[in-house]
Protein backbone atom coordinates (compact mmCIF):
# COMPACT_ATOMS: atom_id res chain seq x y z
CA UNK A 1 58.40 21.67 130.15
CA UNK A 2 56.75 18.61 128.68
CA UNK A 3 54.61 17.57 131.62
CA UNK A 4 53.56 21.05 132.70
CA UNK A 5 53.53 22.57 136.12
CA UNK A 6 51.12 22.69 138.99
CA UNK A 7 50.41 26.37 138.25
CA UNK A 8 49.64 25.56 134.62
CA UNK A 9 47.34 22.76 135.73
CA UNK A 10 45.60 25.11 138.16
CA UNK A 11 45.04 27.70 135.42
CA UNK A 12 43.65 25.09 133.02
CA UNK A 13 41.45 23.70 135.78
CA UNK A 14 39.93 27.11 136.43
CA UNK A 15 39.35 27.75 132.73
CA UNK A 16 38.15 24.22 131.86
CA UNK A 17 34.46 24.82 132.69
CA UNK A 18 34.38 27.54 130.01
CA UNK A 19 34.04 31.27 129.87
CA UNK A 20 36.69 33.95 129.99
CA UNK A 21 38.45 35.26 133.08
CA UNK A 22 41.02 37.91 133.90
CA UNK A 23 44.40 36.89 135.28
CA UNK A 24 43.39 38.14 138.73
CA UNK A 25 40.18 36.08 138.64
CA UNK A 26 42.17 33.02 137.60
CA UNK A 27 44.71 33.68 140.36
CA UNK A 28 41.99 34.00 142.99
CA UNK A 29 40.10 30.88 141.91
CA UNK A 30 43.27 28.80 141.47
CA UNK A 31 44.66 30.07 144.78
CA UNK A 32 48.07 30.85 143.32
CA UNK A 33 50.04 34.10 143.22
CA UNK A 34 49.52 36.65 140.49
CA UNK A 35 53.08 36.15 139.30
CA UNK A 36 52.63 32.37 139.02
CA UNK A 37 49.35 32.89 137.21
CA UNK A 38 50.83 35.27 134.65
CA UNK A 39 53.80 32.99 134.05
CA UNK A 40 51.56 29.93 133.62
CA UNK A 41 49.27 31.83 131.24
CA UNK A 42 52.29 32.82 129.16
CA UNK A 43 53.53 29.24 128.99
CA UNK A 44 50.07 27.90 128.14
CA UNK A 45 49.51 30.57 125.49
CA UNK A 46 52.84 29.76 123.84
CA UNK A 47 51.68 26.14 123.47
CA UNK A 48 48.22 27.08 122.19
CA UNK A 49 46.36 25.85 125.28
CA UNK A 50 44.84 29.21 126.23
CA UNK A 51 44.05 32.30 124.15
CA UNK A 52 43.51 35.93 125.03
CA UNK A 53 40.05 37.33 124.54
CA UNK A 54 39.56 40.72 122.92
CA UNK A 55 37.55 41.72 126.00
CA UNK A 56 39.65 43.46 128.65
CA UNK A 57 42.59 41.06 129.01
CA UNK A 58 40.57 37.94 129.61
CA UNK A 59 41.69 34.39 128.89
CA UNK A 60 39.90 31.26 127.73
CA UNK A 61 40.89 27.65 127.19
CA UNK A 62 41.25 26.22 123.68
CA UNK A 63 40.06 22.80 122.52
CA UNK A 64 43.70 21.74 122.64
CA UNK A 65 43.87 23.03 126.23
CA UNK A 66 40.80 20.98 127.16
CA UNK A 67 42.46 17.87 125.72
CA UNK A 68 45.64 18.57 127.69
CA UNK A 69 43.60 19.14 130.86
CA UNK A 70 41.74 15.87 130.34
CA UNK A 71 44.89 13.84 129.75
CA UNK A 72 48.00 15.07 131.50
CA UNK A 73 47.18 18.05 133.72
CA UNK A 74 44.21 16.71 135.64
CA UNK A 75 46.49 14.59 137.88
CA UNK A 76 47.83 17.80 139.47
CA UNK A 77 44.34 18.75 140.60
CA UNK A 78 43.78 15.52 142.52
């Protein structure tokens, strides 16, 4: 999926400000289902755009994820 999905864009948008969040926190803030959130996180992790934190299953955005958010994913958030 070269251009990404709306769920992936939503996850990156929630993580873009920084910090680490659980999948349920991401789901709540992005207003998408837990299943969609987990799938998007998996896709983003496989491309190196998000990474798991060692603290209780939390996720954070990578510099590469920030670049992707700034270039191609931000249009989904409009």
